[in-house]
Amino acid sequence: MQHTSLGEAPAKYPGKDGMLKELLTDHETVIKALRKCIDDCDERYKDAGTADFLTGLMEGHETIAWTLRRYFH
């Protein structure tokens, strides 16, 4: 747990809206972390292949986050 950026809430069982908000927050956390890694791979390490791979992962998380946001409007 010391190496993760996502929080846990043991023995906490949110309702539907709470769960959707938690999922959205987790996906947004992953997106931010991936953006930083992409920048590091591209600028610091000059590793375009890994940056491209991480960009694909980030796009997947962005799609899911976009889908989850639709439930709040």
N, C-alpha and C. Protein backbone atom coordinates (compact mmCIF):
# COMPACT_ATOMS: atom_id res chain seq x y z
N MET A 1 0.81 -1.19 0.00
CA MET A 1 0.00 0.00 0.00
C MET A 1 0.85 1.26 0.00
N GLN A 2 2.08 1.17 0.45
CA GLN A 2 2.92 2.37 0.52
C GLN A 2 3.33 2.88 -0.85
N HIS A 3 3.18 2.08 -1.88
CA HIS A 3 3.60 2.47 -3.22
C HIS A 3 2.44 2.83 -4.14
N THR A 4 1.24 2.80 -3.64
CA THR A 4 0.09 3.08 -4.49
C THR A 4 -0.36 4.53 -4.36
N SER A 5 -0.98 5.02 -5.39
CA SER A 5 -1.53 6.38 -5.33
C SER A 5 -3.05 6.35 -5.20
N LEU A 6 -3.62 5.16 -5.18
CA LEU A 6 -5.07 5.01 -5.01
C LEU A 6 -5.36 4.60 -3.57
N GLY A 7 -6.34 5.23 -2.98
CA GLY A 7 -6.70 4.94 -1.60
C GLY A 7 -7.66 3.78 -1.47
N GLU A 8 -7.66 3.20 -0.31
CA GLU A 8 -8.59 2.11 0.01
C GLU A 8 -9.52 2.58 1.11
N ALA A 9 -10.70 2.03 1.14
CA ALA A 9 -11.66 2.33 2.19
C ALA A 9 -12.24 1.00 2.69
N PRO A 10 -11.45 0.25 3.47
CA PRO A 10 -11.93 -1.06 3.93
C PRO A 10 -13.19 -0.94 4.78
N ALA A 11 -14.06 -1.88 4.59
CA ALA A 11 -15.33 -1.97 5.32
C ALA A 11 -16.24 -0.78 5.05
N LYS A 12 -15.99 -0.05 3.98
CA LYS A 12 -16.86 1.06 3.59
C LYS A 12 -17.56 0.64 2.29
N TYR A 13 -18.87 0.68 2.29
CA TYR A 13 -19.63 0.23 1.13
C TYR A 13 -20.52 1.37 0.64
N PRO A 14 -19.99 2.18 -0.29
CA PRO A 14 -20.78 3.33 -0.76
C PRO A 14 -21.95 2.87 -1.62
N GLY A 15 -22.89 3.78 -1.73
CA GLY A 15 -24.02 3.53 -2.63
C GLY A 15 -23.57 3.71 -4.08
N LYS A 16 -24.53 3.61 -4.97
CA LYS A 16 -24.22 3.70 -6.41
C LYS A 16 -23.48 4.99 -6.75
N ASP A 17 -24.01 6.12 -6.32
CA ASP A 17 -23.38 7.40 -6.66
C ASP A 17 -22.00 7.52 -6.03
N GLY A 18 -21.86 7.07 -4.79
CA GLY A 18 -20.56 7.11 -4.13
C GLY A 18 -19.54 6.25 -4.84
N MET A 19 -19.96 5.08 -5.29
CA MET A 19 -19.04 4.18 -6.00
C MET A 19 -18.62 4.79 -7.33
N LEU A 20 -19.56 5.40 -8.03
CA LEU A 20 -19.21 6.04 -9.31
C LEU A 20 -18.22 7.18 -9.09
N LYS A 21 -18.42 7.96 -8.02
CA LYS A 21 -17.50 9.05 -7.72
C LYS A 21 -16.11 8.52 -7.37
N GLU A 22 -16.05 7.43 -6.60
CA GLU A 22 -14.77 6.82 -6.26
C GLU A 22 -14.06 6.30 -7.51
N LEU A 23 -14.81 5.65 -8.38
CA LEU A 23 -14.22 5.15 -9.63
C LEU A 23 -13.68 6.29 -10.48
N LEU A 24 -14.46 7.36 -10.60
CA LEU A 24 -14.03 8.52 -11.37
C LEU A 24 -12.76 9.13 -10.77
N THR A 25 -12.74 9.30 -9.46
CA THR A 25 -11.56 9.85 -8.80
C THR A 25 -10.34 8.96 -9.03
N ASP A 26 -10.50 7.66 -8.95
CA ASP A 26 -9.38 6.74 -9.18
C ASP A 26 -8.87 6.83 -10.61
N HIS A 27 -9.77 6.88 -11.57
CA HIS A 27 -9.33 7.00 -12.97
C HIS A 27 -8.62 8.33 -13.20
N GLU A 28 -9.11 9.41 -12.59
CA GLU A 28 -8.45 10.71 -12.74
C GLU A 28 -7.07 10.71 -12.10
N THR A 29 -6.92 10.00 -10.99
CA THR A 29 -5.60 9.87 -10.34
C THR A 29 -4.63 9.13 -11.26
N VAL A 30 -5.10 8.06 -11.87
CA VAL A 30 -4.25 7.28 -12.78
C VAL A 30 -3.88 8.13 -14.00
N ILE A 31 -4.81 8.90 -14.52
CA ILE A 31 -4.55 9.77 -15.67
C ILE A 31 -3.45 10.77 -15.35
N LYS A 32 -3.53 11.40 -14.19
CA LYS A 32 -2.50 12.37 -13.79
C LYS A 32 -1.13 11.71 -13.67
N ALA A 33 -1.10 10.53 -13.07
CA ALA A 33 0.17 9.81 -12.91
C ALA A 33 0.75 9.42 -14.28
N LEU A 34 -0.12 8.96 -15.17
CA LEU A 34 0.35 8.57 -16.51
C LEU A 34 0.87 9.79 -17.28
N ARG A 35 0.22 10.93 -17.15
CA ARG A 35 0.69 12.14 -17.83
C ARG A 35 2.12 12.48 -17.40
N LYS A 36 2.38 12.38 -16.10
CA LYS A 36 3.72 12.67 -15.61
C LYS A 36 4.72 11.66 -16.16
N CYS A 37 4.35 10.39 -16.17
CA CYS A 37 5.24 9.35 -16.69
C CYS A 37 5.49 9.55 -18.19
N ILE A 38 4.47 9.94 -18.92
CA ILE A 38 4.62 10.19 -20.36
C ILE A 38 5.61 11.32 -20.58
N ASP A 39 5.45 12.41 -19.83
CA ASP A 39 6.38 13.53 -19.96
C ASP A 39 7.81 13.10 -19.62
N ASP A 40 7.97 12.32 -18.55
CA ASP A 40 9.30 11.85 -18.17
C ASP A 40 9.91 10.98 -19.26
N CYS A 41 9.12 10.04 -19.79
CA CYS A 41 9.63 9.15 -20.84
C CYS A 41 10.04 9.94 -22.08
N ASP A 42 9.23 10.93 -22.42
CA ASP A 42 9.49 11.70 -23.63
C ASP A 42 10.66 12.67 -23.45
N GLU A 43 10.63 13.47 -22.40
CA GLU A 43 11.62 14.53 -22.23
C GLU A 43 12.88 14.08 -21.50
N ARG A 44 12.70 13.36 -20.41
CA ARG A 44 13.85 13.00 -19.57
C ARG A 44 14.62 11.80 -20.11
N TYR A 45 13.89 10.77 -20.56
CA TYR A 45 14.54 9.54 -20.98
C TYR A 45 14.62 9.37 -22.50
N LYS A 46 13.96 10.26 -23.24
CA LYS A 46 13.95 10.19 -24.72
C LYS A 46 13.47 8.82 -25.21
N ASP A 47 12.44 8.31 -24.57
CA ASP A 47 11.90 6.99 -24.87
C ASP A 47 10.50 7.14 -25.47
N ALA A 48 10.46 7.40 -26.76
CA ALA A 48 9.19 7.66 -27.44
C ALA A 48 8.28 6.43 -27.46
N GLY A 49 8.85 5.25 -27.53
CA GLY A 49 8.04 4.03 -27.57
C GLY A 49 7.24 3.83 -26.30
N THR A 50 7.89 3.99 -25.16
CA THR A 50 7.20 3.84 -23.89
C THR A 50 6.20 4.97 -23.69
N ALA A 51 6.57 6.18 -24.09
CA ALA A 51 5.64 7.32 -23.99
C ALA A 51 4.38 7.04 -24.81
N ASP A 52 4.54 6.47 -26.00
CA ASP A 52 3.39 6.14 -26.84
C ASP A 52 2.52 5.05 -26.20
N PHE A 53 3.18 4.03 -25.63
CA PHE A 53 2.46 2.96 -24.95
C PHE A 53 1.63 3.52 -23.79
N LEU A 54 2.27 4.37 -22.98
CA LEU A 54 1.58 4.97 -21.83
C LEU A 54 0.45 5.90 -22.28
N THR A 55 0.64 6.56 -23.42
CA THR A 55 -0.42 7.41 -23.96
C THR A 55 -1.66 6.59 -24.29
N GLY A 56 -1.46 5.42 -24.85
CA GLY A 56 -2.58 4.52 -25.13
C GLY A 56 -3.31 4.11 -23.87
N LEU A 57 -2.56 3.80 -22.82
CA LEU A 57 -3.19 3.46 -21.54
C LEU A 57 -3.98 4.64 -21.00
N MET A 58 -3.39 5.83 -21.08
CA MET A 58 -4.05 7.03 -20.58
C MET A 58 -5.34 7.29 -21.35
N GLU A 59 -5.32 7.11 -22.64
CA GLU A 59 -6.53 7.33 -23.44
C GLU A 59 -7.66 6.40 -23.00
N GLY A 60 -7.32 5.17 -22.65
CA GLY A 60 -8.33 4.24 -22.15
C GLY A 60 -8.95 4.73 -20.85
N HIS A 61 -8.11 5.21 -19.94
CA HIS A 61 -8.61 5.73 -18.67
C HIS A 61 -9.42 7.01 -18.88
N GLU A 62 -9.01 7.84 -19.84
CA GLU A 62 -9.77 9.06 -20.14
C GLU A 62 -11.16 8.72 -20.68
N THR A 63 -11.24 7.69 -21.50
CA THR A 63 -12.54 7.27 -22.04
C THR A 63 -13.46 6.80 -20.91
N ILE A 64 -12.92 6.00 -20.01
CA ILE A 64 -13.72 5.51 -18.89
C ILE A 64 -14.15 6.68 -18.00
N ALA A 65 -13.23 7.62 -17.73
CA ALA A 65 -13.57 8.78 -16.90
C ALA A 65 -14.66 9.61 -17.57
N TRP A 66 -14.55 9.80 -18.86
CA TRP A 66 -15.58 10.55 -19.60
C TRP A 66 -16.93 9.85 -19.45
N THR A 67 -16.93 8.54 -19.58
CA THR A 67 -18.17 7.77 -19.45
C THR A 67 -18.76 7.93 -18.05
N LEU A 68 -17.92 7.86 -17.03
CA LEU A 68 -18.40 8.00 -15.66
C LEU A 68 -18.94 9.40 -15.39
N ARG A 69 -18.32 10.43 -15.95
CA ARG A 69 -18.77 11.80 -15.76
C ARG A 69 -20.19 12.01 -16.28
N ARG A 70 -20.59 11.27 -17.26
CA ARG A 70 -21.93 11.41 -17.83
C ARG A 70 -23.02 11.13 -16.79
N TYR A 71 -22.72 10.33 -15.79
CA TYR A 71 -23.70 10.00 -14.77
C TYR A 71 -23.93 11.12 -13.77
N PHE A 72 -23.11 12.18 -13.81
CA PHE A 72 -23.23 13.27 -12.85
C PHE A 72 -23.86 14.51 -13.45
N HIS A 73 -24.33 14.44 -14.69
CA HIS A 73 -24.91 15.63 -15.34
C HIS A 73 -26.33 15.38 -15.77
